[in-house]
PDB file of N, CA and C in Angstrom:
ATOM      1  N   MET A   1     -81.454 127.769 -75.084  1.00  0.00           N
ATOM      2  CA  MET A   1     -80.856 129.074 -74.876  1.00  0.00           C
ATOM      3  C   MET A   1     -79.377 128.936 -74.482  1.00  0.00           C
ATOM      4  N   LYS A   2     -79.055 127.964 -73.645  1.00  0.00           N
ATOM      5  CA  LYS A   2     -77.676 127.752 -73.239  1.00  0.00           C
ATOM      6  C   LYS A   2     -76.816 127.345 -74.429  1.00  0.00           C
ATOM      7  N   THR A   3     -77.379 126.572 -75.340  1.00  0.00           N
ATOM      8  CA  THR A   3     -76.645 126.157 -76.529  1.00  0.00           C
ATOM      9  C   THR A   3     -76.293 127.368 -77.395  1.00  0.00           C
ATOM     10  N   PHE A   4     -77.224 128.317 -77.487  1.00  0.00           N
ATOM     11  CA  PHE A   4     -76.967 129.528 -78.251  1.00  0.00           C
ATOM     12  C   PHE A   4     -75.784 130.295 -77.667  1.00  0.00           C
ATOM     13  N   PHE A   5     -75.763 130.454 -76.336  1.00  0.00           N
ATOM     14  CA  PHE A   5     -74.670 131.173 -75.696  1.00  0.00           C
ATOM     15  C   PHE A   5     -73.346 130.432 -75.848  1.00  0.00           C
ATOM     16  N   ASP A   6     -73.385 129.120 -75.760  1.00  0.00           N
ATOM     17  CA  ASP A   6     -72.157 128.337 -75.930  1.00  0.00           C
ATOM     18  C   ASP A   6     -71.579 128.499 -77.334  1.00  0.00           C
ATOM     19  N   ILE A   7     -72.437 128.408 -78.338  1.00  0.00           N
ATOM     20  CA  ILE A   7     -71.983 128.561 -79.720  1.00  0.00           C
ATOM     21  C   ILE A   7     -71.502 129.984 -79.973  1.00  0.00           C
ATOM     22  N   ALA A   8     -72.234 130.982 -79.455  1.00  0.00           N
ATOM     23  CA  ALA A   8     -71.833 132.378 -79.625  1.00  0.00           C
ATOM     24  C   ALA A   8     -70.494 132.656 -78.949  1.00  0.00           C
ATOM     25  N   LEU A   9     -70.270 132.065 -77.780  1.00  0.00           N
ATOM     26  CA  LEU A   9     -68.997 132.244 -77.082  1.00  0.00           C
ATOM     27  C   LEU A   9     -67.842 131.621 -77.863  1.00  0.00           C
ATOM     28  N   ILE A  10     -68.063 130.453 -78.425  1.00  0.00           N
ATOM     29  CA  ILE A  10     -67.007 129.788 -79.201  1.00  0.00           C
ATOM     30  C   ILE A  10     -66.658 130.607 -80.444  1.00  0.00           C
ATOM     31  N   ILE A  11     -67.660 131.043 -81.177  1.00  0.00           N
ATOM     32  CA  ILE A  11     -67.421 131.805 -82.402  1.00  0.00           C
ATOM     33  C   ILE A  11     -66.748 133.142 -82.085  1.00  0.00           C
ATOM     34  N   THR A  12     -67.225 133.828 -81.051  1.00  0.00           N
ATOM     35  CA  THR A  12     -66.655 135.128 -80.693  1.00  0.00           C
ATOM     36  C   THR A  12     -65.220 134.996 -80.198  1.00  0.00           C
ATOM     37  N   SER A  13     -64.945 133.953 -79.428  1.00  0.00           N
ATOM     38  CA  SER A  13     -63.579 133.791 -78.927  1.00  0.00           C
ATOM     39  C   SER A  13     -62.606 133.445 -80.057  1.00  0.00           C
ATOM     40  N   ILE A  14     -63.032 132.623 -80.999  1.00  0.00           N
ATOM     41  CA  ILE A  14     -62.178 132.298 -82.144  1.00  0.00           C
ATOM     42  C   ILE A  14     -61.931 133.545 -82.994  1.00  0.00           C
ATOM     43  N   ALA A  15     -62.969 134.339 -83.214  1.00  0.00           N
ATOM     44  CA  ALA A  15     -62.817 135.569 -84.001  1.00  0.00           C
ATOM     45  C   ALA A  15     -61.893 136.561 -83.300  1.00  0.00           C
ATOM     46  N   THR A  16     -61.974 136.654 -81.967  1.00  0.00           N
ATOM     47  CA  THR A  16     -61.097 137.551 -81.211  1.00  0.00           C
ATOM     48  C   THR A  16     -59.641 137.109 -81.322  1.00  0.00           C
ATOM     49  N   VAL A  17     -59.399 135.822 -81.199  1.00  0.00           N
ATOM     50  CA  VAL A  17     -58.034 135.306 -81.313  1.00  0.00           C
ATOM     51  C   VAL A  17     -57.477 135.566 -82.712  1.00  0.00           C
ATOM     52  N   ILE A  18     -58.276 135.355 -83.732  1.00  0.00           N
ATOM     53  CA  ILE A  18     -57.825 135.593 -85.102  1.00  0.00           C
ATOM     54  C   ILE A  18     -57.485 137.066 -85.313  1.00  0.00           C
ATOM     55  N   CYS A  19     -58.320 137.955 -84.798  1.00  0.00           N
ATOM     56  CA  CYS A  19     -58.051 139.384 -84.945  1.00  0.00           C
ATOM     57  C   CYS A  19     -56.774 139.790 -84.224  1.00  0.00           C
ATOM     58  N   VAL A  20     -56.540 139.247 -83.053  1.00  0.00           N
ATOM     59  CA  VAL A  20     -55.326 139.584 -82.305  1.00  0.00           C
ATOM     60  C   VAL A  20     -54.089 139.053 -83.027  1.00  0.00           C
ATOM     61  N   VAL A  21     -54.169 137.856 -83.556  1.00  0.00           N
ATOM     62  CA  VAL A  21     -53.027 137.279 -84.270  1.00  0.00           C
ATOM     63  C   VAL A  21     -52.734 138.065 -85.552  1.00  0.00           C
ATOM     64  N   LEU A  22     -53.754 138.544 -86.229  1.00  0.00           N
ATOM     65  CA  LEU A  22     -53.547 139.316 -87.447  1.00  0.00           C
ATOM     66  C   LEU A  22     -52.893 140.665 -87.181  1.00  0.00           C
ATOM     67  N   GLN A  23     -52.962 141.148 -85.959  1.00  0.00           N
ATOM     68  CA  GLN A  23     -52.371 142.438 -85.619  1.00  0.00           C
ATOM     69  C   GLN A  23     -50.891 142.347 -85.288  1.00  0.00           C
ATOM     70  N   ASN A  24     -50.314 141.181 -85.379  1.00  0.00           N
ATOM     71  CA  ASN A  24     -48.913 140.985 -85.029  1.00  0.00           C
ATOM     72  C   ASN A  24     -48.021 141.845 -85.909  1.00  0.00           C
ATOM     73  N   ARG A  25     -47.233 142.722 -85.276  1.00  0.00           N
ATOM     74  CA  ARG A  25     -46.335 143.602 -86.034  1.00  0.00           C
ATOM     75  C   ARG A  25     -44.910 143.068 -86.040  1.00  0.00           C
ATOM     76  N   GLY A  26     -44.389 142.734 -84.868  1.00  0.00           N
ATOM     77  CA  GLY A  26     -43.020 142.256 -84.761  1.00  0.00           C
ATOM     78  C   GLY A  26     -43.016 140.751 -84.632  1.00  0.00           C
ATOM     79  N   VAL A  27     -41.960 140.132 -85.087  1.00  0.00           N
ATOM     80  CA  VAL A  27     -41.848 138.686 -85.022  1.00  0.00           C
ATOM     81  C   VAL A  27     -40.731 138.340 -84.054  1.00  0.00           C
ATOM     82  N   GLY A  28     -40.978 137.358 -83.205  1.00  0.00           N
ATOM     83  CA  GLY A  28     -39.937 136.903 -82.288  1.00  0.00           C
ATOM     84  C   GLY A  28     -40.127 137.450 -80.887  1.00  0.00           C
ATOM     85  N   MET A  29     -39.397 136.848 -79.947  1.00  0.00           N
ATOM     86  CA  MET A  29     -39.513 137.225 -78.550  1.00  0.00           C
ATOM     87  C   MET A  29     -38.819 138.559 -78.254  1.00  0.00           C
ATOM     88  N   GLY A  30     -37.832 138.941 -79.058  1.00  0.00           N
ATOM     89  CA  GLY A  30     -37.124 140.199 -78.836  1.00  0.00           C
ATOM     90  C   GLY A  30     -38.032 141.402 -79.005  1.00  0.00           C
ATOM     91  N   SER A  31     -38.890 141.355 -79.993  1.00  0.00           N
ATOM     92  CA  SER A  31     -39.807 142.469 -80.201  1.00  0.00           C
ATOM     93  C   SER A  31     -40.906 142.496 -79.152  1.00  0.00           C
ATOM     94  N   LEU A  32     -41.163 141.367 -78.531  1.00  0.00           N
ATOM     95  CA  LEU A  32     -42.172 141.322 -77.475  1.00  0.00           C
ATOM     96  C   LEU A  32     -41.726 142.133 -76.271  1.00  0.00           C
ATOM     97  N   ALA A  33     -40.436 142.075 -75.953  1.00  0.00           N
ATOM     98  CA  ALA A  33     -39.892 142.821 -74.822  1.00  0.00           C
ATOM     99  C   ALA A  33     -39.487 144.234 -75.215  1.00  0.00           C
ATOM    100  N   GLY A  34     -39.571 144.570 -76.476  1.00  0.00           N
ATOM    101  CA  GLY A  34     -39.235 145.901 -76.929  1.00  0.00           C
ATOM    102  C   GLY A  34     -37.758 146.109 -77.173  1.00  0.00           C
ATOM    103  N   SER A  35     -37.006 145.049 -77.335  1.00  0.00           N
ATOM    104  CA  SER A  35     -35.563 145.185 -77.499  1.00  0.00           C
ATOM    105  C   SER A  35     -35.125 145.313 -78.957  1.00  0.00           C
ATOM    106  N   GLU A  36     -36.054 145.380 -79.864  1.00  0.00           N
ATOM    107  CA  GLU A  36     -35.710 145.518 -81.276  1.00  0.00           C
ATOM    108  C   GLU A  36     -35.452 147.003 -81.557  1.00  0.00           C
ATOM    109  N   PRO A  37     -34.221 147.383 -81.887  1.00  0.00           N
ATOM    110  CA  PRO A  37     -33.889 148.800 -81.998  1.00  0.00           C
ATOM    111  C   PRO A  37     -34.513 149.505 -83.195  1.00  0.00           C
ATOM    112  N   GLY A  38     -34.800 148.799 -84.264  1.00  0.00           N
ATOM    113  CA  GLY A  38     -35.314 149.446 -85.462  1.00  0.00           C
ATOM    114  C   GLY A  38     -36.826 149.499 -85.537  1.00  0.00           C
ATOM    115  N   ALA A  39     -37.504 149.128 -84.476  1.00  0.00           N
ATOM    116  CA  ALA A  39     -38.963 149.069 -84.525  1.00  0.00           C
ATOM    117  C   ALA A  39     -39.556 150.432 -84.188  1.00  0.00           C
ATOM    118  N   ILE A  40     -40.069 151.109 -85.189  1.00  0.00           N
ATOM    119  CA  ILE A  40     -40.750 152.385 -84.975  1.00  0.00           C
ATOM    120  C   ILE A  40     -42.185 152.185 -85.424  1.00  0.00           C
ATOM    121  N   PHE A  41     -43.109 152.355 -84.506  1.00  0.00           N
ATOM    122  CA  PHE A  41     -44.517 152.135 -84.816  1.00  0.00           C
ATOM    123  C   PHE A  41     -45.192 153.467 -85.104  1.00  0.00           C
ATOM    124  N   SER A  42     -45.889 153.534 -86.211  1.00  0.00           N
ATOM    125  CA  SER A  42     -46.595 154.752 -86.572  1.00  0.00           C
ATOM    126  C   SER A  42     -48.080 154.578 -86.288  1.00  0.00           C
ATOM    127  N   ALA A  43     -48.845 155.564 -86.653  1.00  0.00           N
ATOM    128  CA  ALA A  43     -50.291 155.528 -86.425  1.00  0.00           C
ATOM    129  C   ALA A  43     -50.932 154.435 -87.277  1.00  0.00           C
ATOM    130  N   ARG A  44     -52.031 153.925 -86.780  1.00  0.00           N
ATOM    131  CA  ARG A  44     -52.765 152.903 -87.528  1.00  0.00           C
ATOM    132  C   ARG A  44     -53.529 153.565 -88.670  1.00  0.00           C
ATOM    133  N   ARG A  45     -53.458 152.945 -89.843  1.00  0.00           N
ATOM    134  CA  ARG A  45     -54.163 153.481 -91.001  1.00  0.00           C
ATOM    135  C   ARG A  45     -54.761 152.353 -91.817  1.00  0.00           C
ATOM    136  N   GLY A  46     -55.831 152.654 -92.490  1.00  0.00           N
ATOM    137  CA  GLY A  46     -56.440 151.710 -93.423  1.00  0.00           C
ATOM    138  C   GLY A  46     -56.972 150.454 -92.767  1.00  0.00           C
ATOM    139  N   VAL A  47     -56.573 149.316 -93.300  1.00  0.00           N
ATOM    140  CA  VAL A  47     -57.060 148.020 -92.839  1.00  0.00           C
ATOM    141  C   VAL A  47     -56.632 147.760 -91.397  1.00  0.00           C
ATOM    142  N   GLU A  48     -55.442 148.246 -91.048  1.00  0.00           N
ATOM    143  CA  GLU A  48     -54.935 148.046 -89.692  1.00  0.00           C
ATOM    144  C   GLU A  48     -55.832 148.737 -88.665  1.00  0.00           C
ATOM    145  N   LYS A  49     -56.330 149.904 -88.999  1.00  0.00           N
ATOM    146  CA  LYS A  49     -57.221 150.644 -88.107  1.00  0.00           C
ATOM    147  C   LYS A  49     -58.569 149.935 -87.976  1.00  0.00           C
ATOM    148  N   ILE A  50     -59.077 149.443 -89.092  1.00  0.00           N
ATOM    149  CA  ILE A  50     -60.349 148.714 -89.070  1.00  0.00           C
ATOM    150  C   ILE A  50     -60.211 147.438 -88.246  1.00  0.00           C
ATOM    151  N   LEU A  51     -59.111 146.717 -88.428  1.00  0.00           N
ATOM    152  CA  LEU A  51     -58.870 145.493 -87.671  1.00  0.00           C
ATOM    153  C   LEU A  51     -58.765 145.778 -86.175  1.00  0.00           C
ATOM    154  N   PHE A  52     -58.171 146.906 -85.815  1.00  0.00           N
ATOM    155  CA  PHE A  52     -58.064 147.319 -84.422  1.00  0.00           C
ATOM    156  C   PHE A  52     -59.447 147.516 -83.812  1.00  0.00           C
ATOM    157  N   TYR A  53     -60.332 148.231 -84.515  1.00  0.00           N
ATOM    158  CA  TYR A  53     -61.683 148.457 -84.003  1.00  0.00           C
ATOM    159  C   TYR A  53     -62.520 147.175 -83.986  1.00  0.00           C
ATOM    160  N   VAL A  54     -62.332 146.307 -84.963  1.00  0.00           N
ATOM    161  CA  VAL A  54     -63.041 145.025 -84.975  1.00  0.00           C
ATOM    162  C   VAL A  54     -62.615 144.172 -83.782  1.00  0.00           C
ATOM    163  N   THR A  55     -61.320 144.201 -83.453  1.00  0.00           N
ATOM    164  CA  THR A  55     -60.822 143.462 -82.293  1.00  0.00           C
ATOM    165  C   THR A  55     -61.454 143.979 -81.007  1.00  0.00           C
ATOM    166  N   ILE A  56     -61.553 145.292 -80.877  1.00  0.00           N
ATOM    167  CA  ILE A  56     -62.198 145.882 -79.694  1.00  0.00           C
ATOM    168  C   ILE A  56     -63.666 145.459 -79.632  1.00  0.00           C
ATOM    169  N   GLY A  57     -64.340 145.447 -80.772  1.00  0.00           N
ATOM    170  CA  GLY A  57     -65.745 145.043 -80.805  1.00  0.00           C
ATOM    171  C   GLY A  57     -65.946 143.586 -80.409  1.00  0.00           C
ATOM    172  N   PHE A  58     -65.119 142.698 -80.961  1.00  0.00           N
ATOM    173  CA  PHE A  58     -65.214 141.284 -80.594  1.00  0.00           C
ATOM    174  C   PHE A  58     -64.889 141.061 -79.118  1.00  0.00           C
ATOM    175  N   SER A  59     -63.921 141.801 -78.603  1.00  0.00           N
ATOM    176  CA  SER A  59     -63.572 141.659 -77.188  1.00  0.00           C
ATOM    177  C   SER A  59     -64.715 142.115 -76.290  1.00  0.00           C
ATOM    178  N   ALA A  60     -65.329 143.232 -76.632  1.00  0.00           N
ATOM    179  CA  ALA A  60     -66.463 143.721 -75.851  1.00  0.00           C
ATOM    180  C   ALA A  60     -67.637 142.745 -75.918  1.00  0.00           C
ATOM    181  N   LEU A  61     -67.901 142.214 -77.110  1.00  0.00           N
ATOM    182  CA  LEU A  61     -68.973 141.231 -77.269  1.00  0.00           C
ATOM    183  C   LEU A  61     -68.686 139.977 -76.460  1.00  0.00           C
ATOM    184  N   LEU A  62     -67.426 139.556 -76.445  1.00  0.00           N
ATOM    185  CA  LEU A  62     -67.042 138.379 -75.669  1.00  0.00           C
ATOM    186  C   LEU A  62     -67.278 138.602 -74.181  1.00  0.00           C
ATOM    187  N   VAL A  63     -66.918 139.768 -73.681  1.00  0.00           N
ATOM    188  CA  VAL A  63     -67.139 140.073 -72.260  1.00  0.00           C
ATOM    189  C   VAL A  63     -68.627 140.093 -71.936  1.00  0.00           C
ATOM    190  N   VAL A  64     -69.419 140.703 -72.788  1.00  0.00           N
ATOM    191  CA  VAL A  64     -70.867 140.758 -72.557  1.00  0.00           C
ATOM    192  C   VAL A  64     -71.471 139.356 -72.564  1.00  0.00           C
ATOM    193  N   LEU A  65     -71.059 138.528 -73.506  1.00  0.00           N
ATOM    194  CA  LEU A  65     -71.577 137.161 -73.574  1.00  0.00           C
ATOM    195  C   LEU A  65     -71.176 136.340 -72.349  1.00  0.00           C
ATOM    196  N   VAL A  66     -69.936 136.508 -71.895  1.00  0.00           N
ATOM    197  CA  VAL A  66     -69.478 135.752 -70.715  1.00  0.00           C
ATOM    198  C   VAL A  66     -70.245 136.186 -69.485  1.00  0.00           C
ATOM    199  N   VAL A  67     -70.392 137.489 -69.285  1.00  0.00           N
ATOM    200  CA  VAL A  67     -71.112 137.979 -68.101  1.00  0.00           C
ATOM    201  C   VAL A  67     -72.580 137.545 -68.157  1.00  0.00           C
ATOM    202  N   THR A  68     -73.195 137.645 -69.314  1.00  0.00           N
ATOM    203  CA  THR A  68     -74.586 137.229 -69.466  1.00  0.00           C
ATOM    204  C   THR A  68     -74.740 135.731 -69.219  1.00  0.00           C
ATOM    205  N   SER A  69     -73.828 134.962 -69.759  1.00  0.00           N
ATOM    206  CA  SER A  69     -73.882 133.507 -69.566  1.00  0.00           C
ATOM    207  C   SER A  69     -73.720 133.118 -68.098  1.00  0.00           C
ATOM    208  N   VAL A  70     -72.832 133.815 -67.406  1.00  0.00           N
ATOM    209  CA  VAL A  70     -72.623 133.502 -65.986  1.00  0.00           C
ATOM    210  C   VAL A  70     -73.834 133.911 -65.150  1.00  0.00           C
ATOM    211  N   LEU A  71     -74.412 135.052 -65.450  1.00  0.00           N
ATOM    212  CA  LEU A  71     -75.557 135.520 -64.655  1.00  0.00           C
ATOM    213  C   LEU A  71     -76.829 134.715 -64.923  1.00  0.00           C
ATOM    214  N   ILE A  72     -77.036 134.269 -66.162  1.00  0.00           N
ATOM    215  CA  ILE A  72     -78.254 133.539 -66.504  1.00  0.00           C
ATOM    216  C   ILE A  72     -78.161 132.077 -66.118  1.00  0.00           C
ATOM    217  N   PHE A  73     -76.989 131.473 -66.355  1.00  0.00           N
ATOM    218  CA  PHE A  73     -76.877 130.047 -66.123  1.00  0.00           C
ATOM    219  C   PHE A  73     -76.006 129.846 -64.937  1.00  0.00           C
TER     220      PHE A  73
END
């Protein structure tokens, strides 16, 4: 059972990181601080919206798996 949780945690964490990296809009440290003057962000549409919800789902699953793993083991 512990092996299942370990494998599930690894897969979920990798999937969460991939989803977050795919959502990158601005490139560079300047856009991270918001100093890029031409950056206007609009509403999420299409694939971007789906990726946003998938990221939320993977994050929630990761939290549930971590809490369950800590409480059981």
